[in-house]
Amino acid sequence: MAACGKLATMSSPISSDPELIAKAVRQACIDAALEAYEQAGIAGLCEEGRWEAAVEAVRSLDLRAVIAKLG
């Protein structure tokens, strides 16, 4: 939960706008999932494996990096 405190204390106007943060995070999740799904398909994974790779990509997404790009 420490990360939440760090996000709340950011002072950049962009990074303090909840809607912009949400949109950036949503897009980053979509991009990560699509990329992982595609790469898993290229690697020969079945549909279930591709889905698992996509979900794991979203789970492991560095949200701090996504938000840092906003500022």
PDB file of N, CA and C in Angstrom:
ATOM      1  N   MET A   1       0.799  -1.203   0.000  1.00  0.00           N
ATOM      2  CA  MET A   1       0.000   0.000   0.000  1.00  0.00           C
ATOM      3  C   MET A   1       0.840   1.266   0.000  1.00  0.00           C
ATOM      4  N   ALA A   2       2.143   1.128   0.154  1.00  0.00           N
ATOM      5  CA  ALA A   2       3.010   2.294   0.147  1.00  0.00           C
ATOM      6  C   ALA A   2       2.963   3.002  -1.193  1.00  0.00           C
ATOM      7  N   ALA A   3       2.787   2.247  -2.258  1.00  0.00           N
ATOM      8  CA  ALA A   3       2.736   2.847  -3.582  1.00  0.00           C
ATOM      9  C   ALA A   3       1.563   3.815  -3.699  1.00  0.00           C
ATOM     10  N   CYS A   4       0.443   3.495  -3.076  1.00  0.00           N
ATOM     11  CA  CYS A   4      -0.708   4.390  -3.126  1.00  0.00           C
ATOM     12  C   CYS A   4      -0.369   5.734  -2.501  1.00  0.00           C
ATOM     13  N   GLY A   5       0.358   5.725  -1.404  1.00  0.00           N
ATOM     14  CA  GLY A   5       0.761   6.963  -0.766  1.00  0.00           C
ATOM     15  C   GLY A   5       1.668   7.780  -1.652  1.00  0.00           C
ATOM     16  N   LYS A   6       2.566   7.105  -2.363  1.00  0.00           N
ATOM     17  CA  LYS A   6       3.466   7.813  -3.269  1.00  0.00           C
ATOM     18  C   LYS A   6       2.692   8.458  -4.407  1.00  0.00           C
ATOM     19  N   LEU A   7       1.704   7.736  -4.934  1.00  0.00           N
ATOM     20  CA  LEU A   7       0.917   8.294  -6.025  1.00  0.00           C
ATOM     21  C   LEU A   7       0.133   9.507  -5.563  1.00  0.00           C
ATOM     22  N   ALA A   8      -0.361   9.466  -4.358  1.00  0.00           N
ATOM     23  CA  ALA A   8      -1.176  10.570  -3.850  1.00  0.00           C
ATOM     24  C   ALA A   8      -0.348  11.820  -3.610  1.00  0.00           C
ATOM     25  N   THR A   9       0.966  11.669  -3.432  1.00  0.00           N
ATOM     26  CA  THR A   9       1.793  12.834  -3.130  1.00  0.00           C
ATOM     27  C   THR A   9       2.471  13.427  -4.357  1.00  0.00           C
ATOM     28  N   MET A  10       2.240  12.862  -5.533  1.00  0.00           N
ATOM     29  CA  MET A  10       2.846  13.428  -6.733  1.00  0.00           C
ATOM     30  C   MET A  10       2.287  14.825  -6.968  1.00  0.00           C
ATOM     31  N   SER A  11       3.135  15.729  -7.435  1.00  0.00           N
ATOM     32  CA  SER A  11       2.691  17.108  -7.548  1.00  0.00           C
ATOM     33  C   SER A  11       2.451  17.569  -8.988  1.00  0.00           C
ATOM     34  N   SER A  12       2.784  16.775  -9.970  1.00  0.00           N
ATOM     35  CA  SER A  12       2.571  17.156 -11.354  1.00  0.00           C
ATOM     36  C   SER A  12       1.075  17.297 -11.633  1.00  0.00           C
ATOM     37  N   PRO A  13       0.664  18.339 -12.361  1.00  0.00           N
ATOM     38  CA  PRO A  13      -0.760  18.504 -12.666  1.00  0.00           C
ATOM     39  C   PRO A  13      -1.336  17.315 -13.417  1.00  0.00           C
ATOM     40  N   ILE A  14      -0.553  16.757 -14.327  1.00  0.00           N
ATOM     41  CA  ILE A  14      -1.034  15.612 -15.096  1.00  0.00           C
ATOM     42  C   ILE A  14      -1.175  14.400 -14.198  1.00  0.00           C
ATOM     43  N   SER A  15      -0.150  14.136 -13.381  1.00  0.00           N
ATOM     44  CA  SER A  15      -0.184  12.942 -12.550  1.00  0.00           C
ATOM     45  C   SER A  15      -1.160  13.054 -11.393  1.00  0.00           C
ATOM     46  N   SER A  16      -1.714  14.230 -11.142  1.00  0.00           N
ATOM     47  CA  SER A  16      -2.693  14.368 -10.075  1.00  0.00           C
ATOM     48  C   SER A  16      -4.122  14.323 -10.611  1.00  0.00           C
ATOM     49  N   ASP A  17      -4.290  14.156 -11.912  1.00  0.00           N
ATOM     50  CA  ASP A  17      -5.617  14.063 -12.507  1.00  0.00           C
ATOM     51  C   ASP A  17      -6.024  12.590 -12.563  1.00  0.00           C
ATOM     52  N   PRO A  18      -6.947  12.160 -11.708  1.00  0.00           N
ATOM     53  CA  PRO A  18      -7.318  10.747 -11.643  1.00  0.00           C
ATOM     54  C   PRO A  18      -7.804  10.171 -12.974  1.00  0.00           C
ATOM     55  N   GLU A  19      -8.506  10.958 -13.752  1.00  0.00           N
ATOM     56  CA  GLU A  19      -9.014  10.466 -15.033  1.00  0.00           C
ATOM     57  C   GLU A  19      -7.868  10.181 -16.000  1.00  0.00           C
ATOM     58  N   LEU A  20      -6.879  11.079 -16.067  1.00  0.00           N
ATOM     59  CA  LEU A  20      -5.740  10.857 -16.944  1.00  0.00           C
ATOM     60  C   LEU A  20      -4.906   9.656 -16.496  1.00  0.00           C
ATOM     61  N   ILE A  21      -4.751   9.510 -15.193  1.00  0.00           N
ATOM     62  CA  ILE A  21      -4.025   8.355 -14.663  1.00  0.00           C
ATOM     63  C   ILE A  21      -4.758   7.077 -15.039  1.00  0.00           C
ATOM     64  N   ALA A  22      -6.060   7.048 -14.828  1.00  0.00           N
ATOM     65  CA  ALA A  22      -6.855   5.855 -15.139  1.00  0.00           C
ATOM     66  C   ALA A  22      -6.776   5.506 -16.621  1.00  0.00           C
ATOM     67  N   LYS A  23      -6.872   6.506 -17.478  1.00  0.00           N
ATOM     68  CA  LYS A  23      -6.793   6.253 -18.913  1.00  0.00           C
ATOM     69  C   LYS A  23      -5.425   5.720 -19.315  1.00  0.00           C
ATOM     70  N   ALA A  24      -4.375   6.278 -18.739  1.00  0.00           N
ATOM     71  CA  ALA A  24      -3.022   5.823 -19.052  1.00  0.00           C
ATOM     72  C   ALA A  24      -2.797   4.401 -18.577  1.00  0.00           C
ATOM     73  N   VAL A  25      -3.276   4.091 -17.392  1.00  0.00           N
ATOM     74  CA  VAL A  25      -3.127   2.733 -16.857  1.00  0.00           C
ATOM     75  C   VAL A  25      -3.935   1.750 -17.691  1.00  0.00           C
ATOM     76  N   ARG A  26      -5.153   2.116 -18.034  1.00  0.00           N
ATOM     77  CA  ARG A  26      -5.983   1.233 -18.866  1.00  0.00           C
ATOM     78  C   ARG A  26      -5.311   0.948 -20.196  1.00  0.00           C
ATOM     79  N   GLN A  27      -4.791   1.982 -20.848  1.00  0.00           N
ATOM     80  CA  GLN A  27      -4.145   1.786 -22.146  1.00  0.00           C
ATOM     81  C   GLN A  27      -2.884   0.936 -22.015  1.00  0.00           C
ATOM     82  N   ALA A  28      -2.121   1.164 -20.953  1.00  0.00           N
ATOM     83  CA  ALA A  28      -0.909   0.368 -20.731  1.00  0.00           C
ATOM     84  C   ALA A  28      -1.262  -1.099 -20.509  1.00  0.00           C
ATOM     85  N   CYS A  29      -2.352  -1.369 -19.793  1.00  0.00           N
ATOM     86  CA  CYS A  29      -2.794  -2.746 -19.574  1.00  0.00           C
ATOM     87  C   CYS A  29      -3.216  -3.402 -20.890  1.00  0.00           C
ATOM     88  N   ILE A  30      -3.954  -2.682 -21.681  1.00  0.00           N
ATOM     89  CA  ILE A  30      -4.381  -3.203 -22.983  1.00  0.00           C
ATOM     90  C   ILE A  30      -3.170  -3.491 -23.860  1.00  0.00           C
ATOM     91  N   ASP A  31      -2.246  -2.546 -23.928  1.00  0.00           N
ATOM     92  CA  ASP A  31      -1.051  -2.723 -24.750  1.00  0.00           C
ATOM     93  C   ASP A  31      -0.226  -3.927 -24.289  1.00  0.00           C
ATOM     94  N   ALA A  32      -0.056  -4.054 -22.974  1.00  0.00           N
ATOM     95  CA  ALA A  32       0.732  -5.168 -22.430  1.00  0.00           C
ATOM     96  C   ALA A  32       0.057  -6.502 -22.729  1.00  0.00           C
ATOM     97  N   ALA A  33      -1.243  -6.562 -22.552  1.00  0.00           N
ATOM     98  CA  ALA A  33      -1.977  -7.803 -22.800  1.00  0.00           C
ATOM     99  C   ALA A  33      -1.923  -8.195 -24.267  1.00  0.00           C
ATOM    100  N   LEU A  34      -2.150  -7.248 -25.149  1.00  0.00           N
ATOM    101  CA  LEU A  34      -2.126  -7.554 -26.585  1.00  0.00           C
ATOM    102  C   LEU A  34      -0.738  -8.003 -27.044  1.00  0.00           C
ATOM    103  N   GLU A  35       0.285  -7.338 -26.563  1.00  0.00           N
ATOM    104  CA  GLU A  35       1.655  -7.702 -26.928  1.00  0.00           C
ATOM    105  C   GLU A  35       1.991  -9.109 -26.431  1.00  0.00           C
ATOM    106  N   ALA A  36       1.650  -9.390 -25.179  1.00  0.00           N
ATOM    107  CA  ALA A  36       1.940 -10.713 -24.615  1.00  0.00           C
ATOM    108  C   ALA A  36       1.150 -11.800 -25.336  1.00  0.00           C
ATOM    109  N   TYR A  37      -0.091 -11.532 -25.649  1.00  0.00           N
ATOM    110  CA  TYR A  37      -0.939 -12.489 -26.364  1.00  0.00           C
ATOM    111  C   TYR A  37      -0.337 -12.809 -27.727  1.00  0.00           C
ATOM    112  N   GLU A  38       0.085 -11.771 -28.434  1.00  0.00           N
ATOM    113  CA  GLU A  38       0.684 -11.950 -29.759  1.00  0.00           C
ATOM    114  C   GLU A  38       1.992 -12.733 -29.672  1.00  0.00           C
ATOM    115  N   GLN A  39       2.847 -12.360 -28.728  1.00  0.00           N
ATOM    116  CA  GLN A  39       4.133 -13.045 -28.571  1.00  0.00           C
ATOM    117  C   GLN A  39       3.948 -14.508 -28.171  1.00  0.00           C
ATOM    118  N   ALA A  40       2.963 -14.766 -27.327  1.00  0.00           N
ATOM    119  CA  ALA A  40       2.688 -16.147 -26.929  1.00  0.00           C
ATOM    120  C   ALA A  40       2.211 -16.970 -28.121  1.00  0.00           C
ATOM    121  N   GLY A  41       1.442 -16.353 -29.001  1.00  0.00           N
ATOM    122  CA  GLY A  41       1.001 -17.039 -30.210  1.00  0.00           C
ATOM    123  C   GLY A  41       2.164 -17.350 -31.130  1.00  0.00           C
ATOM    124  N   ILE A  42       3.069 -16.394 -31.272  1.00  0.00           N
ATOM    125  CA  ILE A  42       4.266 -16.607 -32.096  1.00  0.00           C
ATOM    126  C   ILE A  42       5.106 -17.731 -31.520  1.00  0.00           C
ATOM    127  N   ALA A  43       5.131 -17.827 -30.188  1.00  0.00           N
ATOM    128  CA  ALA A  43       5.900 -18.873 -29.513  1.00  0.00           C
ATOM    129  C   ALA A  43       5.209 -20.234 -29.588  1.00  0.00           C
ATOM    130  N   GLY A  44       3.994 -20.255 -30.109  1.00  0.00           N
ATOM    131  CA  GLY A  44       3.305 -21.522 -30.295  1.00  0.00           C
ATOM    132  C   GLY A  44       2.394 -21.954 -29.161  1.00  0.00           C
ATOM    133  N   LEU A  45       2.103 -21.064 -28.241  1.00  0.00           N
ATOM    134  CA  LEU A  45       1.218 -21.422 -27.137  1.00  0.00           C
ATOM    135  C   LEU A  45      -0.214 -21.580 -27.629  1.00  0.00           C
ATOM    136  N   CYS A  46      -0.942 -22.453 -26.954  1.00  0.00           N
ATOM    137  CA  CYS A  46      -2.356 -22.641 -27.269  1.00  0.00           C
ATOM    138  C   CYS A  46      -3.143 -21.409 -26.810  1.00  0.00           C
ATOM    139  N   GLU A  47      -4.428 -21.410 -27.111  1.00  0.00           N
ATOM    140  CA  GLU A  47      -5.272 -20.255 -26.754  1.00  0.00           C
ATOM    141  C   GLU A  47      -5.246 -19.981 -25.248  1.00  0.00           C
ATOM    142  N   GLU A  48      -5.337 -21.042 -24.447  1.00  0.00           N
ATOM    143  CA  GLU A  48      -5.317 -20.870 -22.997  1.00  0.00           C
ATOM    144  C   GLU A  48      -3.974 -20.290 -22.532  1.00  0.00           C
ATOM    145  N   GLY A  49      -2.896 -20.773 -23.113  1.00  0.00           N
ATOM    146  CA  GLY A  49      -1.575 -20.263 -22.757  1.00  0.00           C
ATOM    147  C   GLY A  49      -1.398 -18.812 -23.163  1.00  0.00           C
ATOM    148  N   ARG A  50      -1.949 -18.454 -24.302  1.00  0.00           N
ATOM    149  CA  ARG A  50      -1.869 -17.067 -24.753  1.00  0.00           C
ATOM    150  C   ARG A  50      -2.624 -16.154 -23.788  1.00  0.00           C
ATOM    151  N   TRP A  51      -3.813 -16.609 -23.354  1.00  0.00           N
ATOM    152  CA  TRP A  51      -4.607 -15.836 -22.410  1.00  0.00           C
ATOM    153  C   TRP A  51      -3.865 -15.684 -21.090  1.00  0.00           C
ATOM    154  N   GLU A  52      -3.267 -16.767 -20.598  1.00  0.00           N
ATOM    155  CA  GLU A  52      -2.513 -16.708 -19.347  1.00  0.00           C
ATOM    156  C   GLU A  52      -1.332 -15.740 -19.459  1.00  0.00           C
ATOM    157  N   ALA A  53      -0.667 -15.742 -20.600  1.00  0.00           N
ATOM    158  CA  ALA A  53       0.451 -14.820 -20.813  1.00  0.00           C
ATOM    159  C   ALA A  53      -0.036 -13.371 -20.796  1.00  0.00           C
ATOM    160  N   ALA A  54      -1.181 -13.128 -21.400  1.00  0.00           N
ATOM    161  CA  ALA A  54      -1.737 -11.773 -21.435  1.00  0.00           C
ATOM    162  C   ALA A  54      -2.101 -11.292 -20.033  1.00  0.00           C
ATOM    163  N   VAL A  55      -2.728 -12.154 -19.255  1.00  0.00           N
ATOM    164  CA  VAL A  55      -3.111 -11.787 -17.889  1.00  0.00           C
ATOM    165  C   VAL A  55      -1.867 -11.532 -17.043  1.00  0.00           C
ATOM    166  N   GLU A  56      -0.865 -12.378 -17.181  1.00  0.00           N
ATOM    167  CA  GLU A  56       0.370 -12.193 -16.410  1.00  0.00           C
ATOM    168  C   GLU A  56       1.065 -10.884 -16.795  1.00  0.00           C
ATOM    169  N   ALA A  57       1.005 -10.506 -18.052  1.00  0.00           N
ATOM    170  CA  ALA A  57       1.605  -9.247 -18.485  1.00  0.00           C
ATOM    171  C   ALA A  57       0.943  -8.062 -17.790  1.00  0.00           C
ATOM    172  N   VAL A  58      -0.373  -8.121 -17.639  1.00  0.00           N
ATOM    173  CA  VAL A  58      -1.088  -7.045 -16.951  1.00  0.00           C
ATOM    174  C   VAL A  58      -0.726  -7.056 -15.463  1.00  0.00           C
ATOM    175  N   ARG A  59      -0.671  -8.245 -14.879  1.00  0.00           N
ATOM    176  CA  ARG A  59      -0.329  -8.342 -13.454  1.00  0.00           C
ATOM    177  C   ARG A  59       1.065  -7.797 -13.157  1.00  0.00           C
ATOM    178  N   SER A  60       1.991  -7.998 -14.062  1.00  0.00           N
ATOM    179  CA  SER A  60       3.376  -7.601 -13.803  1.00  0.00           C
ATOM    180  C   SER A  60       3.723  -6.219 -14.352  1.00  0.00           C
ATOM    181  N   LEU A  61       2.757  -5.521 -14.869  1.00  0.00           N
ATOM    182  CA  LEU A  61       2.974  -4.191 -15.429  1.00  0.00           C
ATOM    183  C   LEU A  61       3.491  -3.229 -14.357  1.00  0.00           C
ATOM    184  N   ASP A  62       4.512  -2.486 -14.689  1.00  0.00           N
ATOM    185  CA  ASP A  62       5.093  -1.511 -13.762  1.00  0.00           C
ATOM    186  C   ASP A  62       4.257  -0.228 -13.807  1.00  0.00           C
ATOM    187  N   LEU A  63       3.328  -0.125 -12.890  1.00  0.00           N
ATOM    188  CA  LEU A  63       2.424   1.024 -12.883  1.00  0.00           C
ATOM    189  C   LEU A  63       3.123   2.321 -12.569  1.00  0.00           C
ATOM    190  N   ARG A  64       4.173   2.259 -11.758  1.00  0.00           N
ATOM    191  CA  ARG A  64       4.935   3.468 -11.465  1.00  0.00           C
ATOM    192  C   ARG A  64       5.551   4.044 -12.737  1.00  0.00           C
ATOM    193  N   ALA A  65       6.032   3.162 -13.602  1.00  0.00           N
ATOM    194  CA  ALA A  65       6.614   3.622 -14.861  1.00  0.00           C
ATOM    195  C   ALA A  65       5.549   4.236 -15.759  1.00  0.00           C
ATOM    196  N   VAL A  66       4.374   3.647 -15.772  1.00  0.00           N
ATOM    197  CA  VAL A  66       3.267   4.202 -16.580  1.00  0.00           C
ATOM    198  C   VAL A  66       2.940   5.607 -16.103  1.00  0.00           C
ATOM    199  N   ILE A  67       2.821   5.777 -14.806  1.00  0.00           N
ATOM    200  CA  ILE A  67       2.455   7.080 -14.243  1.00  0.00           C
ATOM    201  C   ILE A  67       3.606   8.068 -14.394  1.00  0.00           C
ATOM    202  N   ALA A  68       4.839   7.600 -14.277  1.00  0.00           N
ATOM    203  CA  ALA A  68       5.987   8.488 -14.435  1.00  0.00           C
ATOM    204  C   ALA A  68       6.039   9.099 -15.836  1.00  0.00           C
ATOM    205  N   LYS A  69       5.551   8.369 -16.819  1.00  0.00           N
ATOM    206  CA  LYS A  69       5.528   8.899 -18.199  1.00  0.00           C
ATOM    207  C   LYS A  69       4.544  10.061 -18.346  1.00  0.00           C
ATOM    208  N   LEU A  70       3.603  10.160 -17.436  1.00  0.00           N
ATOM    209  CA  LEU A  70       2.618  11.247 -17.504  1.00  0.00           C
ATOM    210  C   LEU A  70       3.207  12.589 -17.089  1.00  0.00           C
ATOM    211  N   GLY A  71       4.132  12.526 -16.155  1.00  0.00           N
ATOM    212  CA  GLY A  71       4.662  13.749 -15.569  1.00  0.00           C
ATOM    213  C   GLY A  71       5.706  14.359 -16.394  1.00  0.00           C
TER     214      GLY A  71
END
